[in-house]
C-alpha cells in the first residue's frame, strides 16, 4: 500500500496534488496523542486531605486536671505575684479555678512565661498531632476578665 501511495505521489507531483496526498498519508501514520493522565483512587482516601475537615473535634472527656486541658479551653481569671514569682489563676471548663506557674504542661502545650498582664503559652500539638513548628499563644488579661 505504501508503494502505491509513493508511486501515486511521484506521478501527481507534476500536477501539484502530491502535497495533499502526503498530508493524508502523514495523518494516517501519525502517532495518536496520549490523553492527560488521570488519578483513580479506587476506593482509597486522599492522603493529603484533612481527616477532620477543618472542624474542631469536641469529645465528651473527663477533665481531672491541668494535663487534660487544651490551651484553647482555658480562661484566665487572674495573675498573682508571690515572692517575685508570677502565678496565674485559670478557670477550667467545669468552672473550678486552678493555679499554674511557668513550665506547667497542658494536653497540647505548656506555659512559656507569665508576666503581670499576660500569659504566653507554647502550643506543641494540634488535633493530637505534633506541630512541626510550635506556636506561641499570648493571652492578655482584659478589663472584662479581671
N, C-alpha and C. Protein backbone atom coordinates (compact mmCIF):
# COMPACT_ATOMS: atom_id res chain seq x y z
N UNK A 1 0.83 -1.19 0.00
CA UNK A 1 0.00 0.00 0.00
C UNK A 1 0.87 1.26 0.00
N UNK A 2 1.97 1.19 0.76
CA UNK A 2 2.88 2.35 0.78
C UNK A 2 3.49 2.58 -0.61
N UNK A 3 3.83 1.47 -1.24
CA UNK A 3 4.44 1.58 -2.56
C UNK A 3 3.49 2.29 -3.51
N UNK A 4 2.22 1.95 -3.44
CA UNK A 4 1.22 2.56 -4.32
C UNK A 4 1.10 4.05 -4.03
N UNK A 5 1.10 4.45 -2.76
CA UNK A 5 0.96 5.86 -2.41
C UNK A 5 2.17 6.66 -2.85
N UNK A 6 3.35 6.07 -2.70
CA UNK A 6 4.57 6.78 -3.12
C UNK A 6 4.59 6.94 -4.64
N UNK A 7 4.20 5.90 -5.33
CA UNK A 7 4.17 5.96 -6.79
C UNK A 7 3.15 7.00 -7.25
N UNK A 8 2.00 7.02 -6.61
CA UNK A 8 0.97 7.99 -6.96
C UNK A 8 1.44 9.40 -6.66
N UNK A 9 2.21 9.56 -5.57
CA UNK A 9 2.73 10.88 -5.20
C UNK A 9 3.71 11.37 -6.24
N UNK A 10 4.54 10.49 -6.78
CA UNK A 10 5.51 10.89 -7.79
C UNK A 10 4.80 11.28 -9.08
N UNK A 11 3.78 10.53 -9.44
CA UNK A 11 3.04 10.84 -10.67
C UNK A 11 2.24 12.12 -10.54
N UNK A 12 1.68 12.35 -9.36
CA UNK A 12 0.86 13.53 -9.18
C UNK A 12 1.67 14.78 -8.81
N UNK A 13 2.96 14.58 -8.64
CA UNK A 13 3.83 15.70 -8.27
C UNK A 13 3.78 16.77 -9.35
N UNK A 14 3.75 16.33 -10.54
CA UNK A 14 3.71 17.28 -11.65
C UNK A 14 2.39 18.04 -11.66
N UNK A 15 1.35 17.42 -11.20
CA UNK A 15 0.03 18.06 -11.23
C UNK A 15 -0.19 18.95 -10.00
N UNK A 16 0.70 18.89 -8.99
CA UNK A 16 0.57 19.72 -7.79
C UNK A 16 -0.35 19.13 -6.74
N UNK A 17 -0.72 17.89 -6.90
CA UNK A 17 -1.60 17.24 -5.94
C UNK A 17 -0.84 16.39 -4.93
N UNK A 18 0.43 16.28 -5.07
CA UNK A 18 1.22 15.43 -4.17
C UNK A 18 1.20 15.92 -2.72
N UNK A 19 1.26 17.24 -2.44
CA UNK A 19 1.24 17.66 -1.04
C UNK A 19 -0.02 17.22 -0.31
N UNK A 20 -1.15 17.20 -0.98
CA UNK A 20 -2.39 16.75 -0.35
C UNK A 20 -2.32 15.27 -0.02
N UNK A 21 -1.75 14.47 -0.91
CA UNK A 21 -1.62 13.03 -0.68
C UNK A 21 -0.63 12.76 0.44
N UNK A 22 0.47 13.52 0.47
CA UNK A 22 1.47 13.34 1.54
C UNK A 22 0.86 13.72 2.89
N UNK A 23 0.07 14.80 2.93
CA UNK A 23 -0.60 15.19 4.17
C UNK A 23 -1.56 14.11 4.64
N UNK A 24 -2.31 13.53 3.73
CA UNK A 24 -3.25 12.47 4.07
C UNK A 24 -2.49 11.25 4.59
N UNK A 25 -1.32 10.96 3.99
CA UNK A 25 -0.52 9.82 4.42
C UNK A 25 0.04 10.06 5.82
N UNK A 26 0.49 11.29 6.09
CA UNK A 26 1.06 11.57 7.42
C UNK A 26 -0.02 11.57 8.49
N UNK A 27 -1.25 11.91 8.13
CA UNK A 27 -2.33 11.85 9.11
C UNK A 27 -2.67 10.41 9.45
N UNK A 28 -2.55 9.50 8.53
CA UNK A 28 -2.83 8.10 8.79
C UNK A 28 -1.76 7.47 9.68
N UNK A 29 -0.50 7.82 9.46
CA UNK A 29 0.60 7.20 10.18
C UNK A 29 0.95 7.91 11.49
N UNK A 30 0.50 9.12 11.69
CA UNK A 30 0.89 9.91 12.84
C UNK A 30 0.53 9.25 14.17
N UNK A 31 1.39 9.44 15.18
CA UNK A 31 1.10 8.85 16.49
C UNK A 31 -0.12 9.52 17.12
N UNK A 32 -0.89 8.74 17.80
CA UNK A 32 -2.06 9.29 18.48
C UNK A 32 -1.59 9.96 19.76
N UNK A 33 -2.06 11.17 20.03
CA UNK A 33 -1.63 11.85 21.26
C UNK A 33 -2.18 11.14 22.49
N UNK A 34 -1.36 11.07 23.52
CA UNK A 34 -1.80 10.45 24.78
C UNK A 34 -2.74 11.39 25.52
N UNK A 35 -3.80 10.86 26.10
CA UNK A 35 -4.68 11.72 26.89
C UNK A 35 -3.98 12.15 28.18
N UNK A 36 -4.48 13.20 28.80
CA UNK A 36 -3.90 13.70 30.05
C UNK A 36 -4.00 12.61 31.12
N UNK A 37 -2.96 12.46 31.95
CA UNK A 37 -3.01 11.42 32.99
C UNK A 37 -4.10 11.74 34.02
N UNK A 38 -4.73 10.71 34.49
CA UNK A 38 -5.77 10.85 35.50
C UNK A 38 -5.43 9.97 36.69
N UNK A 39 -6.01 10.29 37.84
CA UNK A 39 -5.79 9.53 39.06
C UNK A 39 -7.08 8.82 39.44
N UNK A 40 -7.00 7.54 39.65
CA UNK A 40 -8.15 6.75 40.06
C UNK A 40 -7.90 6.29 41.50
N UNK A 41 -8.61 6.84 42.49
CA UNK A 41 -8.34 6.45 43.87
C UNK A 41 -8.75 5.01 44.19
N UNK A 42 -9.64 4.44 43.41
CA UNK A 42 -10.09 3.05 43.59
C UNK A 42 -10.50 2.77 45.03
N UNK A 43 -11.27 3.68 45.62
CA UNK A 43 -11.79 3.46 46.97
C UNK A 43 -10.85 3.87 48.09
N UNK A 44 -9.62 4.30 47.77
CA UNK A 44 -8.69 4.74 48.82
C UNK A 44 -8.93 6.21 49.13
N UNK A 45 -8.61 6.63 50.37
CA UNK A 45 -8.79 8.03 50.75
C UNK A 45 -7.60 8.85 50.26
N UNK A 46 -7.81 10.14 50.12
CA UNK A 46 -6.76 11.06 49.72
C UNK A 46 -5.83 11.27 50.91
N UNK A 47 -4.53 10.96 50.80
CA UNK A 47 -3.65 11.09 51.96
C UNK A 47 -3.37 12.53 52.38
N UNK A 48 -3.68 13.50 51.53
CA UNK A 48 -3.41 14.90 51.85
C UNK A 48 -4.64 15.63 52.35
N UNK A 49 -5.75 14.98 52.45
CA UNK A 49 -6.98 15.61 52.92
C UNK A 49 -7.04 15.57 54.44
N UNK A 50 -7.44 16.68 55.05
CA UNK A 50 -7.58 16.76 56.50
C UNK A 50 -8.73 15.85 56.92
N UNK A 51 -8.45 14.93 57.80
CA UNK A 51 -9.46 13.96 58.21
C UNK A 51 -10.61 14.61 58.98
N UNK A 52 -10.35 15.73 59.63
CA UNK A 52 -11.37 16.38 60.42
C UNK A 52 -12.12 17.44 59.61
N UNK A 53 -11.72 17.69 58.39
CA UNK A 53 -12.41 18.64 57.53
C UNK A 53 -12.37 20.07 58.03
N UNK A 54 -11.35 20.43 58.82
CA UNK A 54 -11.23 21.78 59.34
C UNK A 54 -12.14 22.07 60.51
N UNK A 55 -12.87 21.09 60.98
CA UNK A 55 -13.77 21.30 62.11
C UNK A 55 -13.09 20.85 63.39
N UNK A 56 -13.36 21.57 64.45
CA UNK A 56 -12.80 21.20 65.74
C UNK A 56 -13.51 19.95 66.25
N UNK A 57 -12.75 19.06 66.79
CA UNK A 57 -13.32 17.82 67.30
C UNK A 57 -13.54 18.00 68.80
N UNK A 58 -14.76 17.91 69.23
CA UNK A 58 -15.10 18.02 70.64
C UNK A 58 -15.51 16.65 71.14
N UNK A 59 -14.84 16.21 72.15
CA UNK A 59 -15.16 14.92 72.73
C UNK A 59 -15.78 15.13 74.11
N UNK A 60 -16.54 14.18 74.54
CA UNK A 60 -17.01 14.18 75.91
C UNK A 60 -15.95 13.47 76.74
N UNK A 61 -15.02 14.25 77.26
CA UNK A 61 -13.93 13.66 78.02
C UNK A 61 -13.94 14.22 79.43
N UNK A 62 -13.42 13.47 80.33
CA UNK A 62 -13.36 13.87 81.72
C UNK A 62 -12.09 14.68 81.95
N UNK A 63 -12.25 15.90 82.44
CA UNK A 63 -11.10 16.76 82.72
C UNK A 63 -10.87 16.72 84.21
N UNK A 64 -9.75 16.12 84.59
CA UNK A 64 -9.45 15.97 86.01
C UNK A 64 -8.36 16.92 86.49
N UNK A 65 -7.62 17.50 85.56
CA UNK A 65 -6.55 18.39 85.98
C UNK A 65 -5.95 19.13 84.80
N UNK A 66 -4.79 19.71 85.05
CA UNK A 66 -4.12 20.54 84.07
C UNK A 66 -3.71 19.76 82.83
N UNK A 67 -3.28 18.52 82.98
CA UNK A 67 -2.80 17.72 81.85
C UNK A 67 -3.92 17.34 80.89
N UNK A 68 -5.17 17.47 81.31
CA UNK A 68 -6.30 17.14 80.44
C UNK A 68 -6.85 18.35 79.70
N UNK A 69 -6.44 19.55 80.08
CA UNK A 69 -6.94 20.78 79.45
C UNK A 69 -6.20 21.08 78.16
N UNK A 70 -6.91 21.66 77.22
CA UNK A 70 -6.31 22.16 75.98
C UNK A 70 -6.11 23.67 76.16
N UNK A 71 -5.14 24.21 75.46
CA UNK A 71 -4.83 25.64 75.58
C UNK A 71 -6.02 26.51 75.19
N UNK A 72 -6.77 26.09 74.19
CA UNK A 72 -7.91 26.89 73.73
C UNK A 72 -9.07 26.88 74.71
N UNK A 73 -9.07 25.97 75.67
CA UNK A 73 -10.19 25.84 76.61
C UNK A 73 -10.02 26.64 77.90
N UNK A 74 -8.85 27.17 78.17
CA UNK A 74 -8.63 27.83 79.46
C UNK A 74 -9.14 29.26 79.45
N UNK A 75 -9.48 29.74 80.65
CA UNK A 75 -9.86 31.13 80.87
C UNK A 75 -8.90 31.68 81.92
N UNK A 76 -8.40 32.87 81.69
CA UNK A 76 -7.52 33.50 82.67
C UNK A 76 -8.39 34.27 83.65
N UNK A 77 -8.32 33.90 84.92
CA UNK A 77 -9.07 34.60 85.96
C UNK A 77 -8.22 35.72 86.53
N UNK A 78 -6.94 35.45 86.72
CA UNK A 78 -6.07 36.48 87.28
C UNK A 78 -4.62 36.04 87.31
N UNK A 79 -3.74 37.00 87.62
CA UNK A 79 -2.31 36.75 87.77
C UNK A 79 -1.89 37.30 89.12
N UNK A 80 -1.14 36.49 89.86
CA UNK A 80 -0.70 36.84 91.20
C UNK A 80 0.82 36.78 91.24
N UNK A 81 1.45 37.76 91.95
CA UNK A 81 2.89 37.74 92.12
C UNK A 81 3.17 37.46 93.59
N UNK A 82 3.86 36.36 93.84
CA UNK A 82 4.18 35.95 95.20
C UNK A 82 5.67 35.64 95.28
N UNK A 83 6.38 36.37 96.15
CA UNK A 83 7.83 36.20 96.33
C UNK A 83 8.59 36.35 95.01
N UNK A 84 8.15 37.30 94.20
CA UNK A 84 8.83 37.59 92.94
C UNK A 84 8.50 36.62 91.81
N UNK A 85 7.62 35.67 92.05
CA UNK A 85 7.25 34.68 91.03
C UNK A 85 5.79 34.88 90.64
N UNK A 86 5.55 34.98 89.33
CA UNK A 86 4.19 35.13 88.85
C UNK A 86 3.51 33.77 88.78
N UNK A 87 2.25 33.74 89.21
CA UNK A 87 1.40 32.56 89.08
C UNK A 87 0.08 33.02 88.48
N UNK A 88 -0.53 32.16 87.71
CA UNK A 88 -1.79 32.51 87.07
C UNK A 88 -2.90 31.65 87.64
N UNK A 89 -4.06 32.24 87.75
CA UNK A 89 -5.25 31.51 88.18
C UNK A 89 -6.11 31.33 86.94
N UNK A 90 -6.31 30.08 86.58
CA UNK A 90 -7.07 29.75 85.39
C UNK A 90 -8.41 29.14 85.77
N UNK A 91 -9.39 29.34 84.92
CA UNK A 91 -10.69 28.70 85.11
C UNK A 91 -10.78 27.49 84.19
N UNK A 92 -11.05 26.33 84.76
CA UNK A 92 -11.21 25.13 83.95
C UNK A 92 -12.59 25.15 83.30
N UNK A 93 -12.84 24.22 82.40
CA UNK A 93 -14.11 24.20 81.68
C UNK A 93 -15.29 23.91 82.60
N UNK A 94 -15.04 23.22 83.71
CA UNK A 94 -16.13 22.93 84.65
C UNK A 94 -16.33 24.04 85.67
N UNK A 95 -15.52 25.13 85.58
CA UNK A 95 -15.70 26.27 86.45
C UNK A 95 -14.77 26.34 87.64
N UNK A 96 -14.04 25.28 87.93
CA UNK A 96 -13.14 25.28 89.08
C UNK A 96 -11.86 26.04 88.75
N UNK A 97 -11.34 26.81 89.73
CA UNK A 97 -10.08 27.53 89.50
C UNK A 97 -8.88 26.60 89.68
N UNK A 98 -7.79 26.98 89.03
CA UNK A 98 -6.57 26.20 89.06
C UNK A 98 -5.40 27.16 89.05
N UNK A 99 -4.42 26.98 89.93
CA UNK A 99 -3.24 27.84 89.98
C UNK A 99 -2.11 27.18 89.21
N UNK A 100 -1.48 27.92 88.31
CA UNK A 100 -0.40 27.39 87.47
C UNK A 100 0.79 28.33 87.51
N UNK A 101 1.96 27.83 87.11
CA UNK A 101 3.16 28.64 87.01
C UNK A 101 3.91 28.27 85.74
N UNK A 102 5.00 28.95 85.45
CA UNK A 102 5.76 28.71 84.22
C UNK A 102 6.22 27.25 84.17
N UNK A 103 6.11 26.65 83.00
CA UNK A 103 6.55 25.28 82.81
C UNK A 103 5.47 24.23 82.97
N UNK A 104 4.33 24.60 83.56
CA UNK A 104 3.25 23.62 83.72
C UNK A 104 2.72 23.22 82.34
N UNK A 105 2.43 21.93 82.19
CA UNK A 105 2.05 21.39 80.88
C UNK A 105 0.55 21.18 80.76
N UNK A 106 0.05 21.41 79.56
CA UNK A 106 -1.33 21.12 79.19
C UNK A 106 -1.32 19.91 78.26
N UNK A 107 -2.49 19.53 77.77
CA UNK A 107 -2.58 18.39 76.86
C UNK A 107 -1.92 18.69 75.52
N UNK A 108 -1.89 19.95 75.11
CA UNK A 108 -1.34 20.29 73.80
C UNK A 108 -0.24 21.36 73.86
N UNK A 109 0.36 21.58 75.02
CA UNK A 109 1.42 22.57 75.12
C UNK A 109 1.81 22.83 76.57
N UNK A 110 2.43 23.97 76.80
CA UNK A 110 2.85 24.33 78.15
C UNK A 110 2.92 25.85 78.30
N UNK A 111 3.09 26.31 79.55
CA UNK A 111 3.18 27.75 79.83
C UNK A 111 4.63 28.17 79.66
N UNK A 112 4.86 29.07 78.72
CA UNK A 112 6.20 29.54 78.44
C UNK A 112 6.62 30.64 79.42
N UNK A 113 5.73 31.62 79.64
CA UNK A 113 6.04 32.68 80.60
C UNK A 113 4.75 33.32 81.11
N UNK A 114 4.87 33.91 82.30
CA UNK A 114 3.76 34.65 82.90
C UNK A 114 4.30 36.02 83.27
N UNK A 115 3.63 37.07 82.81
CA UNK A 115 4.00 38.44 83.13
C UNK A 115 2.85 39.08 83.88
N UNK A 116 2.97 40.35 84.22
CA UNK A 116 1.95 40.99 85.06
C UNK A 116 0.60 41.13 84.37
N UNK A 117 0.53 41.17 83.03
CA UNK A 117 -0.74 41.33 82.35
C UNK A 117 -1.01 40.28 81.27
N UNK A 118 -0.10 39.32 81.08
CA UNK A 118 -0.29 38.34 80.03
C UNK A 118 0.38 37.01 80.35
N UNK A 119 -0.10 35.99 79.66
CA UNK A 119 0.48 34.65 79.75
C UNK A 119 0.85 34.23 78.33
N UNK A 120 2.06 33.70 78.17
CA UNK A 120 2.50 33.20 76.87
C UNK A 120 2.50 31.67 76.95
N UNK A 121 1.70 31.06 76.09
CA UNK A 121 1.57 29.61 76.05
C UNK A 121 2.20 29.10 74.77
N UNK A 122 2.92 28.01 74.83
CA UNK A 122 3.52 27.41 73.63
C UNK A 122 2.72 26.17 73.27
N UNK A 123 2.10 26.21 72.10
CA UNK A 123 1.28 25.09 71.62
C UNK A 123 2.16 24.16 70.80
N UNK A 124 2.26 22.90 71.22
CA UNK A 124 3.12 21.93 70.54
C UNK A 124 2.35 20.87 69.78
N UNK A 125 1.03 20.80 69.99
CA UNK A 125 0.20 19.81 69.29
C UNK A 125 -1.05 20.48 68.75
N UNK A 126 -1.56 19.95 67.64
CA UNK A 126 -2.81 20.41 67.05
C UNK A 126 -3.61 19.17 66.68
N UNK A 127 -4.82 19.05 67.23
CA UNK A 127 -5.68 17.89 66.99
C UNK A 127 -4.99 16.59 67.38
N UNK A 128 -4.15 16.66 68.41
CA UNK A 128 -3.47 15.46 68.90
C UNK A 128 -2.20 15.11 68.17
N UNK A 129 -1.86 15.84 67.11
CA UNK A 129 -0.66 15.56 66.33
C UNK A 129 0.41 16.61 66.62
N UNK A 130 1.67 16.22 66.72
CA UNK A 130 2.73 17.20 66.98
C UNK A 130 2.87 18.19 65.84
N UNK A 131 3.10 19.46 66.19
CA UNK A 131 3.33 20.50 65.19
C UNK A 131 4.79 20.50 64.78
N UNK A 132 5.06 20.79 63.51
CA UNK A 132 6.45 20.85 63.07
C UNK A 132 7.15 22.08 63.65
N UNK A 133 6.40 23.16 63.84
CA UNK A 133 6.93 24.38 64.45
C UNK A 133 5.95 24.82 65.52
N UNK A 134 6.37 24.88 66.79
CA UNK A 134 5.45 25.27 67.86
C UNK A 134 4.91 26.69 67.66
N UNK A 135 3.68 26.91 68.13
CA UNK A 135 3.04 28.22 68.05
C UNK A 135 2.99 28.84 69.44
N UNK A 136 3.32 30.11 69.53
CA UNK A 136 3.18 30.84 70.79
C UNK A 136 1.85 31.56 70.80
N UNK A 137 1.06 31.32 71.85
CA UNK A 137 -0.25 31.94 72.01
C UNK A 137 -0.16 32.89 73.19
N UNK A 138 -0.47 34.16 72.98
CA UNK A 138 -0.42 35.17 74.04
C UNK A 138 -1.85 35.45 74.48
N UNK A 139 -2.09 35.28 75.77
CA UNK A 139 -3.41 35.59 76.35
C UNK A 139 -3.24 36.77 77.28
N UNK A 140 -3.93 37.86 76.97
CA UNK A 140 -3.88 39.07 77.79
C UNK A 140 -5.04 39.05 78.76
N UNK A 141 -4.84 39.72 79.88
CA UNK A 141 -5.95 39.96 80.81
C UNK A 141 -6.58 41.28 80.42
N UNK A 142 -7.81 41.21 80.00
CA UNK A 142 -8.53 42.43 79.63
C UNK A 142 -9.37 42.86 80.83
N UNK A 143 -9.99 44.01 80.73
CA UNK A 143 -10.79 44.50 81.85
C UNK A 143 -11.98 43.62 82.12
N UNK A 144 -12.51 42.90 81.10
CA UNK A 144 -13.64 42.01 81.34
C UNK A 144 -13.22 40.77 82.13
N UNK A 145 -11.97 40.35 81.98
CA UNK A 145 -11.51 39.13 82.64
C UNK A 145 -11.06 39.37 84.07
N UNK A 146 -10.86 40.64 84.46
CA UNK A 146 -10.38 40.94 85.83
C UNK A 146 -11.46 40.77 86.85
